[in-house]
Amino acid sequence: MREHAKKFLSSLTANRFSQRLLERLISAEQWLMGIGSGGVPETSGEGVVVSLLRSKAKKSNRPLSVFDVGANQGQFLSMLLRGLNGVPLRVHAFEPSSSAFQILNDAHRADTRLKLNHFGLGSRNGEMTLYSNEDASGIASLYDRRLDHFGLALSRTEKVTIDTLDEYCDREHVDSIDLLKLDVEGHELDVIRGGEKLFAKGAVDVVTFEFGGTNIDSRSFFQDFFYFFKQHKFDVFRITPSGYLAPVPEYREVYEQFRTTNFLARKGVV
């Protein structure tokens, strides 16, 4: 009976109109799941991390330690500071782009809770090329992305400095990180690999990261993230637009969705 139903439904949808309708329905369903909705902090559901940090602050006798890696102009940082108003914290922000860092620095340099760093993080320290389409671009990447399908070209280049998470924390005497936020346009996996020592000793509590089209260009997959976090005993969640954390208890190939999606990995929840 099931096979007959499948054949019947496939015959009904054997036309351009039905296929386009199915595409739109799938896109809408996925957006509600957080797949493709991760571009803007205010509407992506990322605000859930503010609630998590507020809860942790109530139980902590020290300032919260937050790393904003890929701060750009301070979009996420501004949301975080508003949401954690009155909460003791220390934020380390990283932005390699000169034009974006200038905007970030102009807006936040007077805030003594922040340490603004004009360099990026990766799996090894050194110098890399940053590609962008315009000044302070939100899609600037350490990968020369092919974006013809969007009518864009990352034709501007800039040499930038890269450090590692482990070396930075050793140098700055950072013993623990309550939130490691990653938005580095495809370079997220390299950043966490540069923090292997911190993860091995359980010094990182929560990680948020984007996964999407940038990972096509960096040739990194959700599978890589999933097994890295499982190795370090983290539970993985997909962040939905409502802020609901949808558990991802096991890896499936269907999760390789290259549309901007936010994920959260957290130590020992389940």
Protein backbone atom coordinates (compact mmCIF):
# COMPACT_ATOMS: atom_id res chain seq x y z
CA MET A 1 0.00 0.00 0.00
CA ARG A 2 2.83 2.37 0.90
CA GLU A 3 4.60 1.84 -2.42
CA HIS A 4 1.35 2.52 -4.31
CA ALA A 5 0.92 5.79 -2.40
CA LYS A 6 4.46 6.82 -3.25
CA LYS A 7 3.91 6.14 -6.93
CA PHE A 8 0.65 8.07 -6.89
CA LEU A 9 2.18 11.08 -5.15
CA SER A 10 5.21 11.06 -7.43
CA SER A 11 2.94 11.12 -10.48
CA LEU A 12 1.01 14.10 -9.05
CA THR A 13 4.23 16.06 -8.54
CA ALA A 14 5.77 15.29 -11.93
CA ASN A 15 5.55 18.91 -13.10
CA ARG A 16 7.41 22.19 -12.64
CA PHE A 17 4.74 23.86 -10.49
CA SER A 18 4.64 21.01 -7.96
CA GLN A 19 8.41 20.83 -7.74
CA ARG A 20 8.72 24.57 -7.10
CA LEU A 21 5.97 24.33 -4.46
CA LEU A 22 7.79 21.46 -2.76
CA GLU A 23 11.01 23.49 -2.74
CA ARG A 24 9.23 26.39 -1.05
CA LEU A 25 7.55 24.14 1.51
CA ILE A 26 10.87 22.50 2.36
CA SER A 27 12.56 25.89 2.66
CA ALA A 28 9.85 27.13 5.04
CA GLU A 29 10.00 23.99 7.15
CA GLN A 30 13.76 24.15 7.36
CA TRP A 31 13.70 27.82 8.34
CA LEU A 32 11.50 26.93 11.32
CA MET A 33 14.09 24.29 12.21
CA GLY A 34 16.81 26.94 12.09
CA ILE A 35 18.25 25.78 8.77
CA GLY A 36 18.93 28.90 6.75
CA SER A 37 17.78 31.30 9.48
CA GLY A 38 21.15 31.94 11.10
CA GLY A 39 22.28 35.15 9.43
CA VAL A 40 21.12 37.84 11.89
CA PRO A 41 21.69 37.51 15.68
CA GLU A 42 18.40 39.22 16.62
CA THR A 43 16.23 36.82 14.59
CA SER A 44 18.33 33.65 14.53
CA GLY A 45 17.54 32.49 18.05
CA GLU A 46 21.13 33.11 19.18
CA GLY A 47 19.76 35.21 22.02
CA VAL A 48 19.22 31.93 23.88
CA VAL A 49 22.89 32.06 24.88
CA VAL A 50 22.16 35.22 26.86
CA SER A 51 19.66 33.28 28.97
CA LEU A 52 22.16 30.45 29.46
CA LEU A 53 24.85 32.88 30.56
CA ARG A 54 22.52 34.73 32.92
CA SER A 55 21.64 31.43 34.58
CA LYS A 56 25.30 30.52 34.92
CA ALA A 57 26.19 33.95 36.32
CA LYS A 58 23.79 33.40 39.22
CA LYS A 59 25.76 30.32 40.26
CA SER A 60 29.22 31.72 39.59
CA ASN A 61 31.49 33.65 41.95
CA ARG A 62 33.62 35.08 39.12
CA PRO A 63 33.01 37.21 36.02
CA LEU A 64 31.82 35.28 32.97
CA SER A 65 34.46 34.66 30.31
CA VAL A 66 33.17 35.16 26.73
CA PHE A 67 35.09 34.90 23.45
CA ASP A 68 33.56 36.60 20.40
CA VAL A 69 35.58 35.21 17.50
CA GLY A 70 34.68 36.99 14.28
CA ALA A 71 33.24 40.07 15.97
CA ASN A 72 32.98 42.06 12.71
CA GLN A 73 31.38 45.43 13.62
CA GLY A 74 30.11 44.17 16.98
CA GLN A 75 26.63 42.96 16.02
CA PHE A 76 26.64 39.92 18.34
CA LEU A 77 28.69 41.76 20.95
CA SER A 78 26.13 44.55 21.20
CA MET A 79 23.30 42.06 21.65
CA LEU A 80 25.32 40.23 24.31
CA LEU A 81 26.13 43.38 26.28
CA ARG A 82 22.49 44.51 26.26
CA GLY A 83 21.29 41.10 27.40
CA LEU A 84 23.91 40.80 30.14
CA ASN A 85 23.59 44.33 31.47
CA GLY A 86 24.67 44.28 35.10
CA VAL A 87 26.32 40.85 34.86
CA PRO A 88 30.07 40.78 35.66
CA LEU A 89 31.91 39.57 32.56
CA ARG A 90 35.12 39.71 30.56
CA VAL A 91 34.81 39.58 26.77
CA HIS A 92 37.67 38.84 24.39
CA ALA A 93 36.68 39.93 20.87
CA PHE A 94 38.64 39.07 17.71
CA GLU A 95 38.39 40.77 14.33
CA PRO A 96 41.16 40.61 11.69
CA SER A 97 39.63 43.03 9.15
CA SER A 98 41.12 46.53 9.56
CA SER A 99 37.95 48.36 8.48
CA ALA A 100 35.63 46.22 10.62
CA PHE A 101 37.96 46.45 13.61
CA GLN A 102 38.00 50.24 13.34
CA ILE A 103 34.21 50.34 13.65
CA LEU A 104 34.29 47.81 16.50
CA ASN A 105 37.01 49.73 18.31
CA ASP A 106 35.32 53.11 17.88
CA ALA A 107 32.09 51.75 19.37
CA HIS A 108 33.48 49.74 22.29
CA ARG A 109 37.03 50.83 23.19
CA ALA A 110 35.87 52.68 26.32
CA ASP A 111 34.28 49.54 27.80
CA THR A 112 36.75 48.15 30.35
CA ARG A 113 35.01 44.76 30.30
CA LEU A 114 36.24 44.16 26.76
CA LYS A 115 39.58 43.22 25.24
CA LEU A 116 39.45 43.99 21.52
CA ASN A 117 41.96 42.06 19.41
CA HIS A 118 42.86 43.08 15.87
CA PHE A 119 43.65 39.56 14.66
CA GLY A 120 41.89 36.27 14.02
CA LEU A 121 42.17 32.75 15.40
CA GLY A 122 42.94 29.48 13.64
CA SER A 123 44.66 26.11 13.95
CA ARG A 124 48.15 27.68 13.77
CA ASN A 125 49.57 31.15 14.16
CA GLY A 126 50.94 33.12 11.23
CA GLU A 127 49.63 35.30 8.42
CA MET A 128 46.73 34.63 6.05
CA THR A 129 44.83 36.45 3.32
CA LEU A 130 41.39 37.83 4.13
CA TYR A 131 39.04 38.15 1.13
CA SER A 132 36.13 40.60 1.08
CA ASN A 133 33.73 42.39 -1.24
CA GLU A 134 33.72 45.73 0.59
CA ASP A 135 34.97 47.54 3.71
CA ALA A 136 33.88 45.94 7.01
CA SER A 137 32.10 43.21 5.07
CA GLY A 138 30.04 40.69 7.03
CA ILE A 139 31.05 37.96 4.55
CA ALA A 140 34.83 38.56 4.62
CA SER A 141 36.51 35.16 4.68
CA LEU A 142 39.91 33.51 4.84
CA TYR A 143 38.74 31.53 1.81
CA ASP A 144 38.44 32.92 -1.69
CA ARG A 145 34.77 32.02 -1.93
CA ARG A 146 33.02 31.55 -5.25
CA LEU A 147 29.83 33.62 -5.00
CA ASP A 148 28.91 34.08 -8.67
CA HIS A 149 25.40 32.78 -7.89
CA PHE A 150 24.88 35.81 -5.64
CA GLY A 151 26.46 38.22 -8.08
CA LEU A 152 29.33 38.85 -5.65
CA ALA A 153 33.10 38.64 -5.88
CA LEU A 154 35.50 38.74 -2.95
CA SER A 155 37.94 40.82 -4.97
CA ARG A 156 39.51 42.76 -2.08
CA THR A 157 42.39 41.20 -0.17
CA GLU A 158 44.19 42.01 3.07
CA LYS A 159 47.00 40.24 4.92
CA VAL A 160 45.89 39.48 8.47
CA THR A 161 47.45 37.99 11.59
CA ILE A 162 46.22 34.67 12.99
CA ASP A 163 46.81 33.34 16.53
CA THR A 164 45.58 30.13 18.15
CA LEU A 165 43.07 29.83 20.96
CA ASP A 166 45.48 27.78 23.10
CA GLU A 167 48.38 30.21 22.74
CA TYR A 168 46.21 33.26 23.31
CA CYS A 169 44.71 31.83 26.50
CA ASP A 170 48.16 30.83 27.78
CA ARG A 171 49.46 34.32 27.13
CA GLU A 172 46.42 36.09 28.65
CA HIS A 173 46.12 33.64 31.58
CA VAL A 174 42.57 32.61 30.62
CA ASP A 175 41.74 29.40 32.49
CA SER A 176 38.17 28.88 31.31
CA ILE A 177 35.70 30.04 28.65
CA ASP A 178 31.99 30.13 29.44
CA LEU A 179 31.00 30.94 25.85
CA LEU A 180 33.07 30.55 22.70
CA LYS A 181 31.10 32.21 19.89
CA LEU A 182 32.38 31.48 16.37
CA ASP A 183 31.35 33.34 13.23
CA VAL A 184 34.39 33.24 10.96
CA GLU A 185 32.92 32.44 7.55
CA GLY A 186 34.02 28.82 7.15
CA HIS A 187 37.06 28.91 9.45
CA GLU A 188 35.23 27.69 12.58
CA LEU A 189 36.69 24.19 12.53
CA ASP A 190 40.23 25.60 12.37
CA VAL A 191 39.54 27.80 15.41
CA ILE A 192 38.40 24.93 17.62
CA ARG A 193 41.30 22.77 16.43
CA GLY A 194 43.58 25.55 17.62
CA GLY A 195 42.07 25.09 21.08
CA GLU A 196 42.62 21.34 21.48
CA LYS A 197 44.41 21.76 24.82
CA LEU A 198 41.57 23.83 26.26
CA PHE A 199 38.96 21.33 25.11
CA ALA A 200 41.02 18.38 26.36
CA LYS A 201 41.11 19.79 29.89
CA GLY A 202 37.41 20.75 29.85
CA ALA A 203 38.04 24.50 29.96
CA VAL A 204 35.35 25.40 27.41
CA ASP A 205 31.72 25.20 28.51
CA VAL A 206 29.54 26.34 25.57
CA VAL A 207 30.35 26.85 21.88
CA THR A 208 28.09 28.45 19.28
CA PHE A 209 29.01 28.20 15.63
CA GLU A 210 27.59 28.80 12.18
CA PHE A 211 27.44 26.13 9.49
CA GLY A 212 26.41 26.90 5.92
CA GLY A 213 27.57 27.92 2.48
CA THR A 214 30.98 29.05 3.73
CA ASN A 215 31.76 25.44 4.59
CA ILE A 216 31.52 24.54 0.91
CA ASP A 217 34.50 26.81 0.28
CA SER A 218 36.46 25.67 3.34
CA ARG A 219 35.65 22.02 2.52
CA SER A 220 34.54 21.32 6.08
CA PHE A 221 31.46 19.33 7.00
CA PHE A 222 28.99 19.11 9.85
CA GLN A 223 30.34 15.62 10.44
CA ASP A 224 33.72 17.16 11.37
CA PHE A 225 32.12 19.39 13.99
CA PHE A 226 29.84 16.70 15.36
CA TYR A 227 32.60 14.17 16.00
CA PHE A 228 34.99 16.79 17.38
CA PHE A 229 32.43 17.75 20.01
CA LYS A 230 31.42 14.17 20.74
CA GLN A 231 35.10 13.33 21.27
CA HIS A 232 35.21 16.03 23.94
CA LYS A 233 31.90 14.92 25.50
CA PHE A 234 29.79 17.83 24.27
CA ASP A 235 26.13 17.57 23.33
CA VAL A 236 25.15 19.29 20.10
CA PHE A 237 21.98 21.31 19.46
CA ARG A 238 20.55 23.18 16.50
CA ILE A 239 19.38 26.69 17.42
CA THR A 240 15.90 27.45 16.05
CA PRO A 241 14.57 30.99 15.41
CA SER A 242 12.49 30.74 18.58
CA GLY A 243 15.59 30.01 20.63
CA TYR A 244 14.62 26.37 21.19
CA LEU A 245 17.65 24.08 21.29
CA ALA A 246 16.84 21.05 19.15
CA PRO A 247 19.04 18.08 20.19
CA VAL A 248 21.25 16.48 17.54
CA PRO A 249 22.03 13.18 19.32
CA GLU A 250 23.63 11.41 16.36
CA TYR A 251 25.20 12.28 13.03
CA ARG A 252 23.15 11.92 9.85
CA GLU A 253 24.14 12.86 6.32
CA VAL A 254 20.95 14.89 5.95
CA TYR A 255 22.47 17.41 8.40
CA GLU A 256 24.91 18.53 5.70
CA GLN A 257 22.70 21.52 4.85
CA PHE A 258 24.80 24.34 3.42
CA ARG A 259 22.46 27.16 4.43
CA THR A 260 23.44 29.37 7.35
CA THR A 261 22.44 27.51 10.50
CA ASN A 262 23.46 28.14 14.11
CA PHE A 263 24.48 25.31 16.40
CA LEU A 264 25.30 25.13 20.07
CA ALA A 265 27.58 22.57 21.69
CA ARG A 266 27.51 22.23 25.45
CA LYS A 267 29.38 20.09 27.97
CA GLY A 268 27.56 17.23 29.59
CA VAL A 269 23.91 18.30 29.22
CA VAL A 270 22.47 14.86 28.47
